[in-house]
Amino acid sequence: MLPAPPPTYVDKGKRRVPCAPPDDEEIDDDEHVIDNEQDLDIGKVPGQLPQEAIRRALALSEKTEQEAKKIAKEYRKDVQMILIAAGLAQKATRGENSWNLYQSWYKEKFPKSVKTSMVDWKKEQQAHWKIHHDETEHPQLWKEIHKLWDEIFSNRD
């Protein structure tokens, strides 16, 4: 007896599972899926936001931040972590670069004067870095640097 010939069609793709049917409450009497978000597209106006919309958005931001602070305090977590969990912020894709942290702090702490050239100011910065770059040897300084960085990052949103 000969073996069966190979099938003429071989499914090389991933097996896709059909979508789960919507919940009963999302289907109307005529078996149509109700899209609650379809009304959001009606009446959109191109252009910038009106001042009232900006004011309301800022108020929403304040309320959200206050609520995130309450949750963070209750669970003794960072506010940024709460916002990330809520989908309102993103976690940095790369780790913090100590040189970048330091540069931001140095610029804030020792701003370049008009009399100083950029080259001289950068040399001063690098000399200071060579002395203070180790976080374990200068924990107070690096605590201050991280605090400033966190303030800058939180105000960016």
Foldseek 3Di string as FASTA:
>chain_A
DDDDDDDPDDDPDDDDDDDDDDDPVQADPVRDGHDPCPVVPPPDDDDDDDPVVVVVVVVVVVVLLVVLVVVCVVVVHDSQVSCVVVVNDPDDPDDDDLVVLLVVVCCVVPPDDPPDDPVVSVVVSVVVCVVPVDCVVPVVVVVVSVVVVVVVVVVVD
